[in-house]
Structure formats: structure tokens, C-alpha cells
Amino acid sequence: MRQKLLVYVVAGTLLWSLVYLLVFVNRPNGSVRRTEETLNSLTEQLADLQNTLSQQNAENRRLLDALNKIADNRAVAAAAPAGLVAPAAGGGATVAAPVIAVLVFACNRVTVSRHLDQVLRYRPDPARFPVIVSQDCGDRPTAEVIAGYGSAVKHIQQPDQSDIVLPAKEKKFKGYFKIARHYRWALSQAFDTFNHSTVLILEDDLDIAPDIFDYFTSTYPLLRDDPTLWCVSAWNDNGKLSRINASAAELLYRSDFFPGLGWMITDKLWHELRDKWPKSYWDDWMREPAQRLDRACIRPEVSRTRTFGKKGVSNGLFFEKHLKFIHLNDRPVPFTKMDMRYLLRENYDPWFVDHVYSCQEVTYTELKARQIGHKDCVRIQYVTKDGFKRTAKMLGLMDDLKSGVPRTGYRGVVSFMYEDRRVYLAPRPDWTKYDLTWS
């Protein structure tokens, strides 16, 4: 309405000026000097009018931008499932701009270029996300590919290429020992040599989502401020398209299970772990109670990483059965515009427990047979280790446990989708801790 009024004012002013000019110029005995003075005056008036209109247009653009931001925030809130996001306390939290080093692990895959191309394309600021590529194996073709990126990445090479002597029965697992050795060296370089305070760990066979850096930037304050968190991960172990709500890409969880495959930690955690770093199977070691210390990770509903590395130390078996089906997010989320404080344990736990155990308890048979008369969330209870594994397998979920913790689980609860319904595979309501014998 305001813009229409401006159009009428401008049109009227121009019309009046034109009529006035014609009448004045055609007056009998009118002097040329007066005509020139009048034209100069009109020119000045038009210039003033143009300046006023430019200022008004700038003000309108600022107002429109503000309205668009409000609309974007409302759209994000509307997209979230009911009951998910806690109300913002005093508006959105201000997210600082931390420097997060990106540490990429490479070995002998020349396809590292596929990963690095995505990292360099999606990172919003090279100064805030410096890239370090740590290469093991000494593979020359791979080294040449990495060197081709010049100063865009810092290329370091693990110097210890000595053989690892193992008992005969463990020789086939030598690759896991080399990986653990590489991880310890590279993390020490990133934290202790280059003095980075926060590191995002990636691997050379990962595709990444376009919003991955926004995701890690927005969750950084949580990792820094909540001592009950020890990592942020881009990975959902049950992230198959049939078991997630792909339209709820903004949905994040706390998880007691260390996910890996794109994860962020701080120097404080590294200094805690470095002197006892294991000789092999570092990821399962991270999942042990002595390292986890009842701390959780943040993980997404929809993965921000997906592996394309079919060949590796596991010989591709796990890839064919599971990994290749993980869905990579394709709906960018403006995480840094959102209030993430609902994920702090003091806010999250009361809501989570109340929400999960307010969902109707059903059996797998009832769920599969569509015998539930509503579309709301439901809960399937398990009591024993075998009961969990059996039900998880029937539901198409990962059924293994590490030190009693199921993949993606929080307080024993595994969240997933089943035919457009939110389902929780959960222990009894009086659950208090994990049973370490469930492994």
C-alpha cells in the first residue's frame, strides 16, 4: 500500500511540473532568462524528489528483508514436529563465529578429490574453516591429487610407515591398527602442533551435505557450554530413507552412542584422551564407559555425511548391507538462525522422557498390522538384550550394542520413523542405566 502511494505521488508531481513548464514557456512576453531559472529550479526539485524516493526505497528494502527473516524463522518453526523444539528463551541465541579446523583423513584413494571439492565448495569462510589433509600410506598418486589443491589445503603426511607386528590370528586386522596410529598422530598435529581449539574430523570417502558447516557452527556453543556433551556428529546410524523424516532436516537429538563419520570435538577432550589413545579399534574404544563418562553427542535426524567408500578395511561388507542406503540431507537448514538451547541436557531430558513415555505403548505386531487408530507417536518396549535385538532387526534398525548402548540411543531409547509415524523403541519407564553385559 505504501509503495502504491509513492507511485501516485511521483506521477502527480511529474505531471504538475510538465503542465507548469508548458504554460510558463508559452506565456506572452515571457523572458528566456525566467525560463532558464524555472528549468533549473525544476531540475533541483526533481533531483530532491529522486533522492527522497531512493531513501524511501532503501528503507522499504530493509523492512522487506526484516519481514523475510521473520517469515523464514516461522517456516522453520512450523516445519518442526510438534513438541520437538523447546520455546526460545529470550529469542534466538547468538552464535559466535568460531574457528573450526577441518581435518580430513586420507590414505590411498585418489577419489579424495570428490570429498575435498565438496568441502571447499560448501565452507562459507576459509579463515574460519582451515582444511588440513592428513595422509597415511604414502600413496604417491593420492599425494599428487592432494598437492593439486595448492594453498587451499594444508597437506601433512603421517611419517611412521613402519610395519605393525601382530600375532598370526590378528594379522588380518592390521588395517585397524594403522588407522588408530594415524588418528592419534593427525589429531595431535591439529590440536598440539597447529593449536586449534576445535576440530571437525572427516574422511576421504565421505559426501557432505551443503549445510554441514552451518550445522557444526550452530552446535559449537552447545559443545562448549554443556559438560554433558563430548561431541557433535553429522551421522545417523539408522539414517535410511525409510526410517527417517527427511522433511524434518532441522531435527536434532542427543545420543549416548558415539556415531563418528563426521564429528567435532574440542581440545579439552583431546587432552583428556590423547595419552591413553588405543592401538586399534579407536571408535569402539570411544564407546567404552571409561571414555564416554556418561556424556552424549548431538546427532541429526537426517545425516550430513554419507560414505561412498565401498572398499576399506571392512572389505565392503558393511557398505553393501547398510552404509550405501544412508540418506544424505538435501534440504538445507538455517541452523545458525535457530535457538539450539533445547539440546542442553537441563532442557532436553525432562521434555524427552515425558514425551517418549507419553506415547502409546504398542507391540511390533500391532504396528506392522496397522492396528493403531491414530497417527500420533507410539512406543515399543523392550526388556532384555535379546528382545531389543530381535525387535530392532524386524524394524530394519541396527541391532548391535556397544557397552550396552544401542546405536543412536539416548537413555536406551531409539527414535525412528515407521510408515510416516514416529516410533520409539524404548526400555521400561524406570530405566536408570545401561547394562554393560549387553554387547
Protein backbone atom coordinates (compact mmCIF):
# COMPACT_ATOMS: atom_id res chain seq x y z
CA MET A 1 0.00 0.00 0.00
CA ARG A 2 2.85 2.32 0.87
CA GLN A 3 4.61 1.66 -2.44
CA LYS A 4 1.41 2.37 -4.43
CA LEU A 5 1.04 5.73 -2.68
CA LEU A 6 4.59 6.63 -3.65
CA VAL A 7 3.85 5.84 -7.30
CA TYR A 8 0.82 8.18 -7.26
CA VAL A 9 2.84 11.00 -5.66
CA VAL A 10 5.66 10.70 -8.19
CA ALA A 11 3.27 10.59 -11.17
CA GLY A 12 1.33 13.62 -9.91
CA THR A 13 4.46 15.66 -9.29
CA LEU A 14 5.85 14.96 -12.74
CA LEU A 15 2.52 15.81 -14.42
CA TRP A 16 2.24 19.09 -12.49
CA SER A 17 5.80 20.03 -13.44
CA LEU A 18 5.16 19.35 -17.13
CA VAL A 19 1.96 21.45 -17.22
CA TYR A 20 3.62 24.30 -15.36
CA LEU A 21 6.53 24.31 -17.77
CA LEU A 22 4.34 24.38 -20.86
CA VAL A 23 2.21 27.23 -19.53
CA PHE A 24 5.17 29.28 -18.46
CA VAL A 25 7.13 28.87 -21.68
CA ASN A 26 4.12 29.85 -23.84
CA ARG A 27 3.20 32.99 -21.89
CA PRO A 28 3.29 36.17 -23.98
CA ASN A 29 6.33 38.39 -23.38
CA GLY A 30 7.95 35.59 -21.19
CA SER A 31 11.70 36.06 -20.92
CA VAL A 32 14.26 33.39 -21.76
CA ARG A 33 16.08 34.13 -18.52
CA ARG A 34 13.00 33.32 -16.43
CA THR A 35 12.53 30.14 -18.40
CA GLU A 36 16.10 29.04 -17.64
CA GLU A 37 15.71 29.88 -13.96
CA THR A 38 12.47 27.94 -13.79
CA LEU A 39 14.04 24.94 -15.55
CA ASN A 40 16.95 25.00 -13.10
CA SER A 41 14.52 25.13 -10.20
CA LEU A 42 12.52 22.24 -11.61
CA THR A 43 15.71 20.24 -12.11
CA GLU A 44 16.68 20.77 -8.49
CA GLN A 45 13.20 19.78 -7.33
CA LEU A 46 13.31 16.61 -9.41
CA ALA A 47 16.76 15.78 -8.03
CA ASP A 48 15.47 16.24 -4.48
CA LEU A 49 12.47 14.10 -5.26
CA GLN A 50 14.67 11.38 -6.75
CA ASN A 51 16.88 11.41 -3.63
CA THR A 52 13.82 11.17 -1.37
CA LEU A 53 12.47 8.23 -3.38
CA SER A 54 15.84 6.45 -3.26
CA GLN A 55 15.95 6.80 0.52
CA GLN A 56 12.39 5.52 0.79
CA ASN A 57 13.18 2.54 -1.45
CA ALA A 58 16.20 1.69 0.71
CA GLU A 59 14.01 1.84 3.81
CA ASN A 60 11.43 -0.39 2.12
CA ARG A 61 14.12 -2.92 1.21
CA ARG A 62 15.34 -3.04 4.81
CA LEU A 63 11.78 -3.56 6.02
CA LEU A 64 11.21 -6.31 3.44
CA ASP A 65 14.43 -8.09 4.49
CA ALA A 66 13.33 -7.99 8.12
CA LEU A 67 9.91 -9.41 7.24
CA ASN A 68 11.55 -12.18 5.17
CA LYS A 69 13.74 -13.16 8.12
CA ILE A 70 10.69 -13.36 10.37
CA ALA A 71 8.92 -15.49 7.76
CA ASP A 72 11.95 -17.80 7.47
CA ASN A 73 12.04 -18.32 11.25
CA ARG A 74 8.31 -19.03 11.34
CA ALA A 75 8.71 -21.51 8.48
CA VAL A 76 11.45 -23.35 10.36
CA ALA A 77 9.32 -23.50 13.50
CA ALA A 78 6.30 -24.69 11.53
CA ALA A 79 8.34 -27.47 9.92
CA ALA A 80 9.42 -28.91 13.26
CA PRO A 81 7.37 -31.81 14.59
CA ALA A 82 5.01 -30.87 17.40
CA GLY A 83 6.65 -30.88 20.79
CA LEU A 84 10.18 -31.08 19.43
CA VAL A 85 11.71 -27.65 19.90
CA ALA A 86 11.58 -26.02 23.31
CA PRO A 87 10.35 -22.40 23.23
CA ALA A 88 13.13 -19.88 22.71
CA ALA A 89 14.19 -18.24 25.95
CA GLY A 90 14.55 -14.58 25.17
CA GLY A 91 14.79 -15.07 21.43
CA GLY A 92 17.41 -16.87 19.34
CA ALA A 93 20.78 -17.46 20.93
CA THR A 94 23.65 -15.50 19.45
CA VAL A 95 26.08 -17.84 17.70
CA ALA A 96 29.70 -16.75 17.74
CA ALA A 97 31.92 -17.37 14.75
CA PRO A 98 34.45 -19.92 15.99
CA VAL A 99 37.42 -21.18 14.02
CA ILE A 100 36.83 -24.89 13.38
CA ALA A 101 39.70 -26.71 11.69
CA VAL A 102 38.60 -29.37 9.19
CA LEU A 103 40.82 -32.45 9.48
CA VAL A 104 40.43 -34.82 6.52
CA PHE A 105 41.88 -38.32 6.81
CA ALA A 106 43.25 -39.76 3.57
CA CYS A 107 45.26 -42.80 2.56
CA ASN A 108 45.31 -44.31 -0.92
CA ARG A 109 42.09 -43.12 -2.55
CA VAL A 110 42.59 -40.67 -5.43
CA THR A 111 38.86 -40.05 -5.09
CA VAL A 112 39.76 -37.84 -2.14
CA SER A 113 39.21 -35.08 -4.72
CA ARG A 114 35.46 -35.78 -4.66
CA HIS A 115 35.41 -35.09 -0.92
CA LEU A 116 37.73 -32.09 -0.99
CA ASP A 117 35.81 -30.46 -3.83
CA GLN A 118 32.68 -30.53 -1.67
CA VAL A 119 34.47 -29.24 1.43
CA LEU A 120 35.93 -26.27 -0.45
CA ARG A 121 32.64 -25.58 -2.25
CA TYR A 122 30.43 -25.59 0.85
CA ARG A 123 32.62 -23.98 3.51
CA PRO A 124 31.46 -20.39 3.99
CA ASP A 125 34.79 -18.89 5.06
CA PRO A 126 38.32 -20.30 4.52
CA ALA A 127 39.61 -18.36 7.54
CA ARG A 128 37.03 -19.93 9.85
CA PHE A 129 37.35 -23.44 8.39
CA PRO A 130 41.03 -24.10 7.53
CA VAL A 131 41.44 -27.51 5.89
CA ILE A 132 44.16 -29.96 6.91
CA VAL A 133 44.52 -33.17 4.89
CA SER A 134 46.41 -35.85 6.80
CA GLN A 135 47.61 -38.67 4.57
CA ASP A 136 48.76 -42.10 5.66
CA CYS A 137 50.00 -44.99 3.46
CA GLY A 138 52.48 -42.90 1.45
CA ASP A 139 50.48 -43.45 -1.74
CA ARG A 140 52.02 -41.18 -4.39
CA PRO A 141 49.03 -40.79 -6.78
CA THR A 142 46.86 -39.73 -3.84
CA ALA A 143 49.54 -37.32 -2.62
CA GLU A 144 49.66 -35.74 -6.07
CA VAL A 145 45.89 -35.22 -6.08
CA ILE A 146 46.06 -33.51 -2.69
CA ALA A 147 49.04 -31.38 -3.76
CA GLY A 148 46.97 -30.18 -6.70
CA TYR A 149 44.83 -28.12 -4.31
CA GLY A 150 47.82 -25.92 -3.51
CA SER A 151 47.38 -23.47 -0.65
CA ALA A 152 43.64 -24.22 -0.36
CA VAL A 153 44.53 -27.12 1.95
CA LYS A 154 47.42 -27.95 4.27
CA HIS A 155 48.82 -31.36 3.30
CA ILE A 156 50.56 -33.33 6.07
CA GLN A 157 51.80 -36.91 5.85
CA GLN A 158 51.99 -39.44 8.65
CA PRO A 159 55.73 -40.19 8.90
CA ASP A 160 55.61 -43.59 10.62
CA GLN A 161 55.13 -46.15 7.86
CA SER A 162 56.74 -49.00 9.78
CA ASP A 163 55.10 -52.38 9.83
CA ILE A 164 52.96 -53.33 12.80
CA VAL A 165 53.83 -56.77 14.17
CA LEU A 166 50.80 -58.73 15.32
CA PRO A 167 50.03 -62.31 16.36
CA ALA A 168 49.02 -64.53 13.47
CA LYS A 169 45.35 -64.54 14.45
CA GLU A 170 45.24 -60.71 14.38
CA LYS A 171 47.19 -60.03 11.19
CA LYS A 172 44.01 -59.68 9.14
CA PHE A 173 43.05 -56.75 11.36
CA LYS A 174 46.31 -54.84 10.82
CA GLY A 175 44.46 -52.10 8.97
CA TYR A 176 42.59 -51.14 12.15
CA PHE A 177 45.91 -50.75 13.99
CA LYS A 178 47.27 -48.46 11.27
CA ILE A 179 44.13 -46.34 11.31
CA ALA A 180 44.34 -45.87 15.09
CA ARG A 181 48.01 -44.88 14.77
CA HIS A 182 47.16 -42.37 12.04
CA TYR A 183 44.29 -40.87 14.04
CA ARG A 184 46.45 -40.29 17.08
CA TRP A 185 49.20 -38.61 15.06
CA ALA A 186 46.87 -36.42 12.99
CA LEU A 187 44.77 -35.29 15.94
CA SER A 188 47.95 -34.40 17.80
CA GLN A 189 49.07 -32.33 14.81
CA ALA A 190 45.75 -30.47 14.63
CA PHE A 191 45.45 -29.76 18.37
CA ASP A 192 49.00 -29.79 19.73
CA THR A 193 51.12 -28.61 16.79
CA PHE A 194 48.73 -26.23 15.00
CA ASN A 195 46.99 -25.26 18.27
CA HIS A 196 43.40 -25.46 17.03
CA SER A 197 40.81 -25.43 19.79
CA THR A 198 38.05 -27.20 17.83
CA VAL A 199 38.39 -29.79 15.06
CA LEU A 200 35.87 -31.32 12.67
CA ILE A 201 37.03 -34.82 11.66
CA LEU A 202 36.12 -36.04 8.17
CA GLU A 203 37.31 -38.90 5.96
CA ASP A 204 38.29 -39.05 2.31
CA ASP A 205 35.32 -41.22 1.29
CA LEU A 206 32.52 -39.01 2.60
CA ASP A 207 29.98 -36.96 0.68
CA ILE A 208 28.82 -34.00 2.75
CA ALA A 209 25.58 -32.00 2.81
CA PRO A 210 25.62 -28.33 1.75
CA ASP A 211 24.51 -27.18 5.23
CA ILE A 212 27.11 -29.18 7.16
CA PHE A 213 29.15 -26.13 8.19
CA ASP A 214 26.04 -24.28 9.38
CA TYR A 215 25.17 -27.37 11.41
CA PHE A 216 28.54 -27.55 13.16
CA THR A 217 28.74 -23.78 13.68
CA SER A 218 25.36 -23.71 15.41
CA THR A 219 26.10 -26.70 17.66
CA TYR A 220 29.55 -25.47 18.67
CA PRO A 221 28.21 -23.36 21.61
CA LEU A 222 26.42 -26.46 22.94
CA LEU A 223 29.62 -28.48 22.86
CA ARG A 224 31.49 -25.65 24.54
CA ASP A 225 28.94 -24.89 27.28
CA ASP A 226 27.37 -28.24 28.19
CA PRO A 227 29.81 -30.52 30.07
CA THR A 228 27.45 -33.46 29.48
CA LEU A 229 28.27 -33.31 25.75
CA TRP A 230 31.54 -34.53 24.29
CA CYS A 231 30.99 -34.48 20.53
CA VAL A 232 28.75 -33.39 17.70
CA SER A 233 28.26 -35.84 14.85
CA ALA A 234 26.87 -35.48 11.33
CA TRP A 235 25.80 -39.13 11.21
CA ASN A 236 22.62 -41.10 11.92
CA ASP A 237 23.35 -44.83 12.15
CA ASN A 238 19.70 -45.57 11.30
CA GLY A 239 19.56 -42.90 8.61
CA LYS A 240 17.94 -44.93 5.85
CA LEU A 241 15.24 -43.02 4.00
CA SER A 242 12.55 -45.43 5.22
CA ARG A 243 13.47 -44.82 8.87
CA ILE A 244 13.78 -41.03 8.97
CA ASN A 245 11.59 -38.00 8.43
CA ALA A 246 13.50 -36.46 5.53
CA SER A 247 11.31 -33.35 5.61
CA ALA A 248 12.37 -32.66 9.22
CA ALA A 249 16.01 -31.97 8.41
CA GLU A 250 16.20 -29.48 11.29
CA LEU A 251 15.53 -32.24 13.85
CA LEU A 252 18.49 -32.97 16.17
CA TYR A 253 18.93 -35.36 19.09
CA ARG A 254 21.17 -36.14 21.99
CA SER A 255 22.69 -39.61 21.72
CA ASP A 256 24.66 -41.78 24.15
CA PHE A 257 26.16 -43.67 21.22
CA PHE A 258 29.32 -42.22 19.64
CA PRO A 259 28.43 -42.09 15.91
CA GLY A 260 31.64 -40.97 14.16
CA LEU A 261 31.65 -40.40 10.38
CA GLY A 262 31.92 -36.61 10.54
CA TRP A 263 32.35 -35.46 14.13
CA MET A 264 33.56 -32.44 16.07
CA ILE A 265 35.47 -32.29 19.37
CA THR A 266 37.38 -29.66 21.35
CA ASP A 267 40.97 -29.56 22.55
CA LYS A 268 39.75 -30.21 26.09
CA LEU A 269 38.51 -33.67 25.11
CA TRP A 270 41.62 -34.41 23.06
CA HIS A 271 43.88 -33.59 26.01
CA GLU A 272 41.78 -35.97 28.07
CA LEU A 273 42.11 -38.84 25.56
CA ARG A 274 45.50 -38.49 23.86
CA ASP A 275 47.71 -40.16 26.45
CA LYS A 276 45.55 -43.28 26.54
CA TRP A 277 44.71 -43.46 22.83
CA PRO A 278 44.29 -47.12 21.81
CA LYS A 279 46.45 -49.12 19.40
CA SER A 280 43.41 -50.30 17.42
CA TYR A 281 39.61 -50.08 17.08
CA TRP A 282 39.63 -46.47 18.24
CA ASP A 283 35.91 -45.91 17.52
CA ASP A 284 34.73 -48.80 19.70
CA TRP A 285 37.20 -47.64 22.35
CA MET A 286 35.49 -44.25 22.30
CA ARG A 287 32.21 -46.01 23.10
CA GLU A 288 33.51 -47.59 26.30
CA PRO A 289 32.24 -46.15 29.62
CA ALA A 290 35.76 -45.14 30.70
CA GLN A 291 35.96 -42.69 27.80
CA ARG A 292 32.32 -41.68 27.40
CA LEU A 293 31.81 -40.96 31.12
CA ASP A 294 28.02 -40.74 30.62
CA ARG A 295 28.41 -37.91 28.11
CA ALA A 296 26.36 -37.61 24.94
CA CYS A 297 26.79 -36.46 21.36
CA ILE A 298 24.49 -34.38 19.21
CA ARG A 299 23.34 -36.17 16.07
CA PRO A 300 20.84 -35.32 13.31
CA GLU A 301 17.66 -36.97 12.12
CA VAL A 302 18.99 -36.71 8.56
CA SER A 303 22.69 -37.42 8.06
CA ARG A 304 25.00 -34.64 6.87
CA THR A 305 27.54 -37.21 5.66
CA ARG A 306 27.32 -40.35 3.53
CA THR A 307 30.15 -42.69 2.66
CA PHE A 308 30.95 -43.67 -0.92
CA GLY A 309 33.97 -45.76 0.11
CA LYS A 310 32.90 -49.29 -0.69
CA LYS A 311 36.40 -50.69 -0.30
CA GLY A 312 38.17 -50.36 3.03
CA VAL A 313 39.41 -52.36 5.99
CA SER A 314 35.95 -53.97 6.34
CA ASN A 315 36.14 -55.19 2.68
CA GLY A 316 32.87 -53.51 1.75
CA LEU A 317 30.58 -55.93 3.61
CA PHE A 318 29.06 -53.29 5.88
CA PHE A 319 28.76 -50.89 2.95
CA GLU A 320 26.61 -53.22 0.86
CA LYS A 321 24.36 -54.21 3.74
CA HIS A 322 23.82 -50.81 5.26
CA LEU A 323 26.00 -47.79 4.56
CA LYS A 324 25.02 -47.24 0.94
CA PHE A 325 21.38 -46.78 2.00
CA ILE A 326 22.01 -43.82 4.33
CA HIS A 327 20.18 -40.74 3.08
CA LEU A 328 22.22 -37.53 2.73
CA ASN A 329 20.35 -34.35 3.59
CA ASP A 330 19.22 -32.30 0.59
CA ARG A 331 17.05 -29.74 2.47
CA PRO A 332 19.44 -27.07 3.82
CA VAL A 333 18.51 -25.75 7.27
CA PRO A 334 19.47 -22.27 8.58
CA PHE A 335 20.69 -23.70 11.90
CA THR A 336 22.55 -20.55 12.93
CA LYS A 337 19.22 -18.67 12.94
CA MET A 338 17.68 -21.15 15.37
CA ASP A 339 17.78 -21.34 19.14
CA MET A 340 19.62 -24.59 19.84
CA ARG A 341 19.45 -24.42 23.64
CA TYR A 342 16.68 -27.02 23.75
CA LEU A 343 19.50 -29.57 23.26
CA LEU A 344 21.19 -28.69 26.55
CA ARG A 345 20.60 -31.59 28.93
CA GLU A 346 18.79 -29.47 31.52
CA ASN A 347 16.22 -28.56 28.85
CA TYR A 348 16.23 -31.73 26.76
CA ASP A 349 15.96 -34.55 29.29
CA PRO A 350 12.70 -33.54 31.04
CA TRP A 351 10.98 -32.98 27.70
CA PHE A 352 12.40 -36.15 26.13
CA VAL A 353 11.42 -38.51 28.93
CA ASP A 354 7.94 -37.02 29.27
CA HIS A 355 7.38 -37.12 25.51
CA VAL A 356 8.60 -40.67 24.89
CA TYR A 357 6.68 -42.24 27.76
CA SER A 358 3.51 -40.33 26.97
CA CYS A 359 3.36 -42.12 23.60
CA GLN A 360 1.01 -45.11 23.49
CA GLU A 361 2.74 -48.43 24.09
CA VAL A 362 2.12 -50.93 21.26
CA THR A 363 3.60 -54.19 20.02
CA TYR A 364 5.54 -54.73 16.83
CA THR A 365 2.68 -56.90 15.56
CA GLU A 366 0.15 -54.09 16.08
CA LEU A 367 2.43 -51.61 14.34
CA LYS A 368 3.09 -53.86 11.37
CA ALA A 369 -0.60 -54.78 11.02
CA ARG A 370 -1.61 -51.07 11.14
CA GLN A 371 -3.92 -51.73 14.08
CA ILE A 372 -3.33 -48.33 15.70
CA GLY A 373 -6.26 -45.94 15.38
CA HIS A 374 -4.31 -42.68 15.26
CA LYS A 375 -1.24 -41.10 13.65
CA ASP A 376 0.49 -39.99 16.84
CA CYS A 377 3.78 -41.34 18.18
CA VAL A 378 3.93 -44.82 19.67
CA ARG A 379 6.38 -46.74 21.84
CA ILE A 380 7.53 -50.34 21.63
CA GLN A 381 9.03 -51.56 24.89
CA TYR A 382 11.95 -53.96 25.26
CA VAL A 383 13.16 -55.58 28.47
CA THR A 384 16.00 -57.92 27.55
CA LYS A 385 19.01 -57.77 25.25
CA ASP A 386 17.55 -60.47 23.00
CA GLY A 387 14.22 -58.66 22.95
CA PHE A 388 15.89 -55.47 21.78
CA LYS A 389 17.95 -57.18 19.09
CA ARG A 390 15.00 -59.18 17.78
CA THR A 391 12.68 -56.17 17.59
CA ALA A 392 15.35 -53.88 16.11
CA LYS A 393 16.08 -56.38 13.37
CA MET A 394 12.38 -56.74 12.50
CA LEU A 395 12.08 -52.95 12.31
CA GLY A 396 15.07 -52.62 9.99
CA LEU A 397 17.26 -50.91 12.60
CA MET A 398 20.87 -51.51 13.58
CA ASP A 399 20.67 -54.16 16.29
CA ASP A 400 24.16 -54.13 17.79
CA LEU A 401 25.07 -52.62 21.15
CA LYS A 402 28.37 -51.25 22.47
CA SER A 403 28.77 -51.41 26.25
CA GLY A 404 25.00 -51.79 26.40
CA VAL A 405 24.26 -48.68 24.30
CA PRO A 406 22.20 -49.16 21.10
CA ARG A 407 23.12 -47.16 18.02
CA THR A 408 21.51 -43.67 18.11
CA GLY A 409 20.13 -44.47 21.59
CA TYR A 410 19.58 -41.92 24.32
CA ARG A 411 18.61 -43.18 27.77
CA GLY A 412 18.15 -46.50 25.99
CA VAL A 413 15.59 -45.03 23.55
CA VAL A 414 15.97 -45.38 19.78
CA SER A 415 13.90 -42.93 17.70
CA PHE A 416 12.87 -43.70 14.11
CA MET A 417 10.06 -43.49 11.57
CA TYR A 418 7.79 -46.33 10.50
CA GLU A 419 5.33 -45.58 7.69
CA ASP A 420 5.11 -41.86 8.50
CA ARG A 421 4.77 -42.44 12.22
CA ARG A 422 7.30 -41.56 14.94
CA VAL A 423 8.18 -44.69 16.89
CA TYR A 424 10.36 -45.11 19.97
CA LEU A 425 11.98 -48.44 20.76
CA ALA A 426 12.39 -47.89 24.48
CA PRO A 427 13.24 -49.63 27.76
CA ARG A 428 10.89 -49.63 30.73
CA PRO A 429 9.95 -46.22 32.17
CA ASP A 430 12.01 -46.93 35.31
CA TRP A 431 15.25 -47.26 33.28
CA THR A 432 18.27 -45.85 35.12
CA LYS A 433 21.45 -47.06 33.37
CA TYR A 434 22.89 -49.28 30.64
CA ASP A 435 23.70 -52.92 31.28
CA LEU A 436 27.37 -53.31 30.27
CA THR A 437 26.87 -57.02 29.59
CA TRP A 438 24.65 -56.14 26.63
CA SER A 439 27.38 -56.11 23.99
